[in-house]
Amino acid sequence: MRLRFDPLAWEYEEFKMQLDQVLVPFHEAAIIELQKIHSEKEEALREAMSEPAKLGDEGEWQLQRDYQRLEGQIAKERERLSGWLALVYLVIILDLKLEKLKSLLDESRPPTGKYQGKSQLERTIDEYQKRFDIHLESHPNFPFIRELVLARNAVVHNAGKPTNDYLKLPNPRFLDKIEKVEFVHLTELHLIVFSNQHFKESLRHLEEFMDWLVRALIYVRSGHRPVGPLRGSQFVP
């Protein structure tokens, strides 16, 4: 028996570990802690309302009630922030993995010149097609992945407000209308909202896409596609 190591398959395993053992626990812990904070603040505000209610102080009671409504909006902002952090990190590790995977074939399929596209994603699509004859856009999950990237760009470069590129997407799924308190007035605006459900869907879409891509690269490298789960190292006869 000997240990066989496959760097391409290992990159897939490492990608899954980043999702399952780094991002998922962080995201779950953040959600639980934020829910705890919200519950504690609501309880404190209910207590603050009870005294003026007993005394018949309608003005103070109304003020505390307004603070309670404000806390509801702030709680949504905390949750939105946790979603944005998860979204940004998802795209970071996706970008890093796309770069690392193609670099592993630099000797056998070296890059040639510059690749075309107005964004990093478009240039990556062009490079994978020209170097490896792999059409990233052919995967059924790629429209979702493109939307992830555009949503991340809106968060990082436009304070969460959707960019023109994002609004051009058919049926954008991360766009939501929210109410924001400005002084004593409520205003409505559209922002990128990356919910817990979106987060779970993203994990599945990204894992399926990365599994497909690594198998395609292994085929480019060796002429055969692996059967069964991808494993970076295993004992073979």
Protein backbone atom coordinates (compact mmCIF):
# COMPACT_ATOMS: atom_id res chain seq x y z
CA MET A 1 0.00 0.00 0.00
CA ARG A 2 1.15 3.53 -0.73
CA LEU A 3 -0.29 6.95 -0.15
CA ARG A 4 -1.34 8.78 -3.29
CA PHE A 5 -1.81 12.55 -3.13
CA ASP A 6 -3.82 14.47 -5.70
CA PRO A 7 -3.35 18.24 -5.39
CA LEU A 8 -6.48 19.07 -7.40
CA ALA A 9 -8.71 16.81 -5.31
CA TRP A 10 -7.07 18.16 -2.17
CA GLU A 11 -8.05 21.70 -3.19
CA TYR A 12 -11.68 20.55 -3.31
CA GLU A 13 -11.38 19.00 0.15
CA GLU A 14 -9.75 22.16 1.48
CA PHE A 15 -12.54 24.26 -0.04
CA LYS A 16 -15.16 22.17 1.75
CA MET A 17 -13.25 22.46 5.02
CA GLN A 18 -13.20 26.24 4.70
CA LEU A 19 -16.97 26.19 4.30
CA ASP A 20 -17.92 23.47 6.78
CA GLN A 21 -15.34 23.99 9.52
CA VAL A 22 -14.63 27.72 9.34
CA LEU A 23 -17.52 29.67 7.85
CA VAL A 24 -20.51 27.58 8.98
CA PRO A 25 -19.53 27.50 12.69
CA PHE A 26 -18.72 31.22 12.61
CA HIS A 27 -22.05 32.07 10.97
CA GLU A 28 -24.08 29.86 13.31
CA ALA A 29 -22.37 31.32 16.39
CA ALA A 30 -23.01 34.86 15.15
CA ILE A 31 -26.71 34.18 14.58
CA ILE A 32 -27.14 32.60 18.02
CA GLU A 33 -25.35 35.47 19.77
CA LEU A 34 -27.30 38.11 17.86
CA GLN A 35 -30.58 36.45 18.81
CA LYS A 36 -29.46 36.46 22.45
CA ILE A 37 -28.55 40.15 22.29
CA HIS A 38 -31.91 41.02 20.75
CA SER A 39 -33.84 39.04 23.37
CA GLU A 40 -31.95 40.73 26.22
CA LYS A 41 -32.55 44.21 24.79
CA GLU A 42 -36.24 43.54 24.24
CA GLU A 43 -36.61 42.30 27.81
CA ALA A 44 -34.89 45.43 29.15
CA LEU A 45 -37.18 47.65 27.08
CA ARG A 46 -40.29 45.82 28.27
CA GLU A 47 -39.19 46.46 31.85
CA ALA A 48 -38.56 50.12 31.01
CA MET A 49 -42.13 50.38 29.71
CA SER A 50 -43.71 48.76 32.74
CA GLU A 51 -42.96 51.57 35.22
CA PRO A 52 -44.49 54.46 33.22
CA ALA A 53 -47.44 52.20 32.42
CA LYS A 54 -48.08 51.78 36.17
CA LEU A 55 -47.69 55.51 36.77
CA GLY A 56 -49.85 56.46 33.81
CA ASP A 57 -46.99 58.41 32.23
CA GLU A 58 -48.10 58.11 28.63
CA GLY A 59 -45.28 60.25 27.23
CA GLU A 60 -42.51 58.14 28.80
CA TRP A 61 -44.33 54.93 27.87
CA GLN A 62 -44.58 56.06 24.24
CA LEU A 63 -40.87 56.98 24.22
CA GLN A 64 -39.88 53.52 25.44
CA ARG A 65 -42.21 51.96 22.89
CA ASP A 66 -40.44 53.92 20.13
CA TYR A 67 -37.10 52.60 21.42
CA GLN A 68 -38.56 49.09 21.25
CA ARG A 69 -39.51 49.59 17.61
CA LEU A 70 -36.06 51.01 16.93
CA GLU A 71 -34.46 47.93 18.49
CA GLY A 72 -36.42 45.78 16.04
CA GLN A 73 -34.87 47.68 13.15
CA ILE A 74 -31.39 47.53 14.68
CA ALA A 75 -31.75 43.77 15.19
CA LYS A 76 -32.44 43.42 11.47
CA GLU A 77 -29.32 45.48 10.73
CA ARG A 78 -27.21 43.19 12.92
CA GLU A 79 -28.58 40.16 11.08
CA ARG A 80 -27.99 41.85 7.73
CA LEU A 81 -24.39 42.54 8.70
CA SER A 82 -23.80 38.88 9.58
CA GLY A 83 -25.18 37.93 6.17
CA TRP A 84 -22.91 40.42 4.43
CA LEU A 85 -19.85 39.06 6.22
CA ALA A 86 -20.74 35.52 5.14
CA LEU A 87 -21.36 36.66 1.56
CA VAL A 88 -18.02 38.49 1.34
CA TYR A 89 -16.10 35.51 2.75
CA LEU A 90 -17.85 33.07 0.38
CA VAL A 91 -16.71 35.08 -2.62
CA ILE A 92 -13.21 35.49 -1.20
CA ILE A 93 -12.64 31.75 -0.89
CA LEU A 94 -14.28 31.15 -4.28
CA ASP A 95 -11.92 33.63 -5.96
CA LEU A 96 -8.87 32.19 -4.19
CA LYS A 97 -9.82 28.64 -5.13
CA LEU A 98 -10.42 29.48 -8.80
CA GLU A 99 -6.96 31.07 -8.89
CA LYS A 100 -5.25 28.20 -7.07
CA LEU A 101 -6.83 25.45 -9.17
CA LYS A 102 -5.70 26.89 -12.47
CA SER A 103 -2.22 27.57 -11.11
CA LEU A 104 -1.77 23.83 -10.51
CA LEU A 105 -1.79 23.32 -14.27
CA ASP A 106 0.62 26.14 -15.09
CA GLU A 107 3.32 23.76 -16.29
CA SER A 108 1.16 21.56 -18.53
CA ARG A 109 -1.27 24.29 -19.64
CA PRO A 110 0.53 27.61 -19.06
CA PRO A 111 -1.35 30.90 -19.32
CA THR A 112 -0.83 32.84 -22.52
CA GLY A 113 -1.16 36.58 -22.58
CA LYS A 114 -4.00 38.53 -21.06
CA TYR A 115 -7.55 37.31 -20.81
CA GLN A 116 -10.58 39.36 -21.73
CA GLY A 117 -13.37 40.69 -19.53
CA LYS A 118 -14.45 43.83 -17.73
CA SER A 119 -14.30 42.13 -14.32
CA GLN A 120 -12.16 39.55 -12.54
CA LEU A 121 -14.93 36.97 -12.92
CA GLU A 122 -15.24 37.57 -16.67
CA ARG A 123 -11.48 37.27 -17.11
CA THR A 124 -11.49 34.03 -15.12
CA ILE A 125 -14.26 32.65 -17.34
CA ASP A 126 -12.22 33.55 -20.42
CA GLU A 127 -9.06 31.98 -19.02
CA TYR A 128 -10.68 28.67 -18.08
CA GLN A 129 -12.24 28.45 -21.53
CA LYS A 130 -9.07 29.25 -23.47
CA ARG A 131 -6.58 27.30 -21.34
CA PHE A 132 -8.63 24.23 -20.41
CA ASP A 133 -11.69 24.29 -22.71
CA ILE A 134 -13.82 24.41 -19.54
CA HIS A 135 -16.91 26.58 -19.89
CA LEU A 136 -17.69 27.73 -16.36
CA GLU A 137 -20.96 29.28 -17.51
CA SER A 138 -22.19 25.88 -18.70
CA HIS A 139 -22.67 24.66 -15.13
CA PRO A 140 -26.30 25.05 -13.98
CA ASN A 141 -25.18 26.71 -10.72
CA PHE A 142 -23.15 29.41 -12.43
CA PRO A 143 -25.95 32.02 -12.64
CA PHE A 144 -26.25 31.73 -8.85
CA ILE A 145 -22.48 32.11 -8.48
CA ARG A 146 -22.43 35.15 -10.75
CA GLU A 147 -25.15 36.72 -8.60
CA LEU A 148 -23.11 35.98 -5.46
CA VAL A 149 -20.17 37.86 -6.92
CA LEU A 150 -22.25 40.84 -8.03
CA ALA A 151 -24.00 40.98 -4.65
CA ARG A 152 -20.63 40.92 -2.89
CA ASN A 153 -19.45 43.77 -5.10
CA ALA A 154 -22.51 45.81 -4.13
CA VAL A 155 -21.79 45.21 -0.43
CA VAL A 156 -18.09 46.05 -0.63
CA HIS A 157 -18.16 48.90 -3.13
CA ASN A 158 -21.68 50.37 -2.82
CA ALA A 159 -22.60 50.03 0.89
CA GLY A 160 -25.01 47.21 0.10
CA LYS A 161 -27.03 49.16 -2.44
CA PRO A 162 -27.52 47.17 -5.66
CA THR A 163 -25.31 48.20 -8.56
CA ASN A 164 -26.53 48.56 -12.13
CA ASP A 165 -24.88 45.22 -13.00
CA TYR A 166 -26.79 43.53 -10.20
CA LEU A 167 -30.11 45.10 -11.18
CA LYS A 168 -29.68 43.80 -14.74
CA LEU A 169 -29.88 40.22 -13.48
CA PRO A 170 -33.16 38.38 -14.15
CA ASN A 171 -35.09 37.97 -10.90
CA PRO A 172 -32.33 38.98 -8.44
CA ARG A 173 -32.80 36.94 -5.27
CA PHE A 174 -30.72 38.88 -2.73
CA LEU A 175 -32.57 42.18 -3.19
CA ASP A 176 -35.01 43.32 -0.53
CA LYS A 177 -36.83 46.49 0.44
CA ILE A 178 -36.12 47.53 3.99
CA GLU A 179 -37.23 50.28 6.33
CA LYS A 180 -34.50 52.39 7.85
CA VAL A 181 -34.98 54.81 10.73
CA GLU A 182 -33.53 58.25 10.04
CA PHE A 183 -34.11 60.53 13.00
CA VAL A 184 -37.86 60.16 13.62
CA HIS A 185 -38.78 59.20 10.06
CA LEU A 186 -38.90 55.85 8.28
CA THR A 187 -37.43 55.64 4.80
CA GLU A 188 -37.56 52.72 2.38
CA LEU A 189 -34.60 51.60 0.30
CA HIS A 190 -33.42 48.54 -1.56
CA LEU A 191 -30.40 46.71 -0.19
CA ILE A 192 -28.63 43.40 -0.66
CA VAL A 193 -29.96 41.03 1.99
CA PHE A 194 -28.19 37.67 2.37
CA SER A 195 -30.49 35.60 4.55
CA ASN A 196 -29.81 32.36 6.42
CA GLN A 197 -31.67 30.51 3.67
CA HIS A 198 -29.50 32.16 1.01
CA PHE A 199 -26.43 31.13 3.00
CA LYS A 200 -27.48 27.46 3.05
CA GLU A 201 -28.30 27.52 -0.66
CA SER A 202 -24.91 29.06 -1.40
CA LEU A 203 -23.04 26.28 0.39
CA ARG A 204 -24.80 23.65 -1.71
CA HIS A 205 -24.37 25.51 -5.01
CA LEU A 206 -20.69 26.22 -4.41
CA GLU A 207 -19.85 22.67 -3.35
CA GLU A 208 -21.59 21.21 -6.41
CA PHE A 209 -19.85 23.67 -8.72
CA MET A 210 -16.42 23.08 -7.21
CA ASP A 211 -16.85 19.29 -7.38
CA TRP A 212 -17.70 19.59 -11.09
CA LEU A 213 -14.81 21.95 -11.80
CA VAL A 214 -12.17 19.85 -10.07
CA ARG A 215 -13.33 16.73 -11.94
CA ALA A 216 -13.11 18.66 -15.21
CA LEU A 217 -9.56 19.81 -14.41
CA ILE A 218 -8.49 16.30 -13.48
CA TYR A 219 -9.82 15.17 -16.87
CA VAL A 220 -7.78 17.91 -18.58
CA ARG A 221 -4.68 16.82 -16.68
CA SER A 222 -4.94 13.03 -17.01
CA GLY A 223 -7.64 12.20 -19.56
CA HIS A 224 -9.98 10.51 -17.10
CA ARG A 225 -12.66 11.67 -14.69
CA PRO A 226 -12.55 10.42 -11.11
CA VAL A 227 -15.36 8.16 -9.92
CA GLY A 228 -16.76 8.47 -6.43
CA PRO A 229 -16.04 11.15 -3.83
CA LEU A 230 -13.04 13.40 -4.44
CA ARG A 231 -10.24 12.66 -1.98
CA GLY A 232 -6.98 14.55 -1.83
CA SER A 233 -5.06 11.58 -0.43
CA GLN A 234 -5.80 7.87 -0.19
CA PHE A 235 -4.04 4.54 0.14
CA VAL A 236 -3.79 2.55 -3.09
CA PRO A 237 -2.30 -0.91 -3.83
